[in-house]
């Protein structure tokens, strides 16, 4: 269906290019539907709303939505895992770098007194 949609869009683009002048001048004046919109309406009425395709399309979309929800859940779990690792690294860096620095600073300030 994706390939057919791309073919339809290309054909619609060619038709729109050919009828561009009419689309800009006569269509608005006559209050008619633009060529591109007519092409989209044809696709919707003849393809999307056809019983054969409508059911398959809805099933495919439902499967896709379930897949995306699972992927989002897994991604959130990965983000949480990375976030916890970063927290751990921050704490370790604090312990390894800052606390010894504080000790050194306190020793040197004692020496000055």
C-alpha atoms as a PDB file:
ATOM      1  CA  UNK A   1       0.000   0.000   0.000  1.00  0.00           C
ATOM      2  CA  UNK A   2       2.902   2.323   0.745  1.00  0.00           C
ATOM      3  CA  UNK A   3       4.241   1.908  -2.785  1.00  0.00           C
ATOM      4  CA  UNK A   4       0.798   2.627  -4.259  1.00  0.00           C
ATOM      5  CA  UNK A   5       0.445   5.710  -2.049  1.00  0.00           C
ATOM      6  CA  UNK A   6       3.807   7.008  -3.302  1.00  0.00           C
ATOM      7  CA  UNK A   7       2.757   6.371  -6.911  1.00  0.00           C
ATOM      8  CA  UNK A   8      -0.564   8.150  -6.316  1.00  0.00           C
ATOM      9  CA  UNK A   9       1.226  11.112  -4.739  1.00  0.00           C
ATOM     10  CA  UNK A  10       3.665  11.390  -7.659  1.00  0.00           C
ATOM     11  CA  UNK A  11       0.817  11.261 -10.176  1.00  0.00           C
ATOM     12  CA  UNK A  12      -1.112  13.818  -8.165  1.00  0.00           C
ATOM     13  CA  UNK A  13       1.937  16.105  -8.120  1.00  0.00           C
ATOM     14  CA  UNK A  14       2.258  15.888 -11.916  1.00  0.00           C
ATOM     15  CA  UNK A  15      -1.446  16.630 -12.381  1.00  0.00           C
ATOM     16  CA  UNK A  16      -1.242  19.521  -9.936  1.00  0.00           C
ATOM     17  CA  UNK A  17       1.796  20.935 -11.761  1.00  0.00           C
ATOM     18  CA  UNK A  18      -0.024  20.725 -15.091  1.00  0.00           C
ATOM     19  CA  UNK A  19      -3.145  22.384 -13.691  1.00  0.00           C
ATOM     20  CA  UNK A  20      -1.308  24.876 -11.463  1.00  0.00           C
ATOM     21  CA  UNK A  21      -2.595  27.970 -13.277  1.00  0.00           C
ATOM     22  CA  UNK A  22      -6.179  26.733 -13.133  1.00  0.00           C
ATOM     23  CA  UNK A  23      -5.714  25.813  -9.482  1.00  0.00           C
ATOM     24  CA  UNK A  24      -4.490  29.328  -8.631  1.00  0.00           C
ATOM     25  CA  UNK A  25      -6.922  31.368 -10.686  1.00  0.00           C
ATOM     26  CA  UNK A  26     -10.156  29.596 -11.591  1.00  0.00           C
ATOM     27  CA  UNK A  27     -10.608  27.252  -8.628  1.00  0.00           C
ATOM     28  CA  UNK A  28     -10.745  29.930  -5.884  1.00  0.00           C
ATOM     29  CA  UNK A  29     -12.995  32.173  -7.966  1.00  0.00           C
ATOM     30  CA  UNK A  30     -15.420  29.327  -8.697  1.00  0.00           C
ATOM     31  CA  UNK A  31     -15.150  28.131  -5.074  1.00  0.00           C
ATOM     32  CA  UNK A  32     -14.238  24.612  -6.184  1.00  0.00           C
ATOM     33  CA  UNK A  33     -12.021  22.040  -4.489  1.00  0.00           C
ATOM     34  CA  UNK A  34      -8.278  22.316  -5.350  1.00  0.00           C
ATOM     35  CA  UNK A  35      -6.735  19.547  -7.472  1.00  0.00           C
ATOM     36  CA  UNK A  36      -4.485  18.212  -4.701  1.00  0.00           C
ATOM     37  CA  UNK A  37      -7.378  17.982  -2.269  1.00  0.00           C
ATOM     38  CA  UNK A  38      -9.474  16.162  -4.905  1.00  0.00           C
ATOM     39  CA  UNK A  39      -6.676  13.622  -5.320  1.00  0.00           C
ATOM     40  CA  UNK A  40      -6.482  13.062  -1.565  1.00  0.00           C
ATOM     41  CA  UNK A  41     -10.256  12.637  -1.412  1.00  0.00           C
ATOM     42  CA  UNK A  42     -10.114  10.049  -4.204  1.00  0.00           C
ATOM     43  CA  UNK A  43      -7.454   8.067  -2.334  1.00  0.00           C
ATOM     44  CA  UNK A  44      -9.409   8.201   0.913  1.00  0.00           C
ATOM     45  CA  UNK A  45     -12.730   7.184  -0.658  1.00  0.00           C
ATOM     46  CA  UNK A  46     -11.407   4.481  -2.991  1.00  0.00           C
ATOM     47  CA  UNK A  47      -8.556   3.014  -0.980  1.00  0.00           C
ATOM     48  CA  UNK A  48      -8.763   3.832   2.716  1.00  0.00           C
ATOM     49  CA  UNK A  49     -12.531   3.370   2.969  1.00  0.00           C
ATOM     50  CA  UNK A  50     -12.642   0.175   0.896  1.00  0.00           C
ATOM     51  CA  UNK A  51     -13.730  -2.740   3.095  1.00  0.00           C
ATOM     52  CA  UNK A  52     -10.813  -4.877   1.981  1.00  0.00           C
ATOM     53  CA  UNK A  53      -8.126  -2.372   2.887  1.00  0.00           C
ATOM     54  CA  UNK A  54      -9.794  -0.597   5.803  1.00  0.00           C
ATOM     55  CA  UNK A  55      -9.745  -3.724   7.997  1.00  0.00           C
ATOM     56  CA  UNK A  56      -6.138  -4.587   7.158  1.00  0.00           C
ATOM     57  CA  UNK A  57      -5.052  -0.989   7.665  1.00  0.00           C
ATOM     58  CA  UNK A  58      -6.720  -0.750  11.083  1.00  0.00           C
ATOM     59  CA  UNK A  59      -5.181  -4.074  12.156  1.00  0.00           C
ATOM     60  CA  UNK A  60      -1.744  -2.945  10.979  1.00  0.00           C
ATOM     61  CA  UNK A  61      -2.116   0.350  12.838  1.00  0.00           C
ATOM     62  CA  UNK A  62      -3.220  -1.463  16.017  1.00  0.00           C
ATOM     63  CA  UNK A  63      -0.195  -3.781  15.825  1.00  0.00           C
ATOM     64  CA  UNK A  64       2.053  -0.781  15.200  1.00  0.00           C
ATOM     65  CA  UNK A  65       0.636   1.071  18.197  1.00  0.00           C
ATOM     66  CA  UNK A  66       1.214  -1.945  20.456  1.00  0.00           C
ATOM     67  CA  UNK A  67       4.773  -2.233  19.153  1.00  0.00           C
ATOM     68  CA  UNK A  68       5.416   1.477  19.769  1.00  0.00           C
ATOM     69  CA  UNK A  69       4.044   1.245  23.315  1.00  0.00           C
ATOM     70  CA  UNK A  70       6.348  -1.701  24.090  1.00  0.00           C
ATOM     71  CA  UNK A  71       9.295   0.103  22.508  1.00  0.00           C
ATOM     72  CA  UNK A  72       8.523   3.231  24.524  1.00  0.00           C
ATOM     73  CA  UNK A  73       8.338   1.185  27.725  1.00  0.00           C
ATOM     74  CA  UNK A  74      11.707  -0.438  26.955  1.00  0.00           C
ATOM     75  CA  UNK A  75      13.212   2.931  26.098  1.00  0.00           C
ATOM     76  CA  UNK A  76      11.949   4.402  29.375  1.00  0.00           C
ATOM     77  CA  UNK A  77      13.513   1.470  31.233  1.00  0.00           C
ATOM     78  CA  UNK A  78      16.828   2.104  29.462  1.00  0.00           C
ATOM     79  CA  UNK A  79      16.638   5.816  30.253  1.00  0.00           C
ATOM     80  CA  UNK A  80      16.003   5.004  33.925  1.00  0.00           C
ATOM     81  CA  UNK A  81      18.944   2.584  33.938  1.00  0.00           C
ATOM     82  CA  UNK A  82      21.283   5.176  32.392  1.00  0.00           C
ATOM     83  CA  UNK A  83      20.009   7.835  34.775  1.00  0.00           C
ATOM     84  CA  UNK A  84      20.748   5.606  37.777  1.00  0.00           C
ATOM     85  CA  UNK A  85      24.231   4.893  36.409  1.00  0.00           C
ATOM     86  CA  UNK A  86      24.867   8.621  36.025  1.00  0.00           C
ATOM     87  CA  UNK A  87      23.677   9.194  39.592  1.00  0.00           C
ATOM     88  CA  UNK A  88      26.069   6.490  40.747  1.00  0.00           C
ATOM     89  CA  UNK A  89      28.954   8.061  38.815  1.00  0.00           C
ATOM     90  CA  UNK A  90      28.161  11.470  40.313  1.00  0.00           C
ATOM     91  CA  UNK A  91      28.170  10.042  43.834  1.00  0.00           C
ATOM     92  CA  UNK A  92      31.395   8.118  43.211  1.00  0.00           C
ATOM     93  CA  UNK A  93      33.047  11.200  41.708  1.00  0.00           C
ATOM     94  CA  UNK A  94      31.902  13.174  44.717  1.00  0.00           C
ATOM     95  CA  UNK A  95      33.423  10.625  47.055  1.00  0.00           C
ATOM     96  CA  UNK A  96      36.614  10.142  45.042  1.00  0.00           C
ATOM     97  CA  UNK A  97      37.326  13.723  43.998  1.00  0.00           C
ATOM     98  CA  UNK A  98      35.543  16.229  46.182  1.00  0.00           C
ATOM     99  CA  UNK A  99      35.888  14.681  49.637  1.00  0.00           C
ATOM    100  CA  UNK A 100      39.694  14.199  49.334  1.00  0.00           C
ATOM    101  CA  UNK A 101      39.908  17.767  48.062  1.00  0.00           C
ATOM    102  CA  UNK A 102      37.962  18.946  51.092  1.00  0.00           C
ATOM    103  CA  UNK A 103      40.304  16.998  53.365  1.00  0.00           C
ATOM    104  CA  UNK A 104      43.354  18.535  51.664  1.00  0.00           C
ATOM    105  CA  UNK A 105      41.849  21.997  51.930  1.00  0.00           C
ATOM    106  CA  UNK A 106      41.047  21.527  55.602  1.00  0.00           C
ATOM    107  CA  UNK A 107      44.597  20.303  56.300  1.00  0.00           C
ATOM    108  CA  UNK A 108      46.143  23.240  54.486  1.00  0.00           C
ATOM    109  CA  UNK A 109      43.881  25.689  56.299  1.00  0.00           C
ATOM    110  CA  UNK A 110      44.938  24.121  59.634  1.00  0.00           C
ATOM    111  CA  UNK A 111      48.576  24.624  58.658  1.00  0.00           C
ATOM    112  CA  UNK A 112      48.039  28.325  58.120  1.00  0.00           C
ATOM    113  CA  UNK A 113      46.568  28.894  61.561  1.00  0.00           C
END
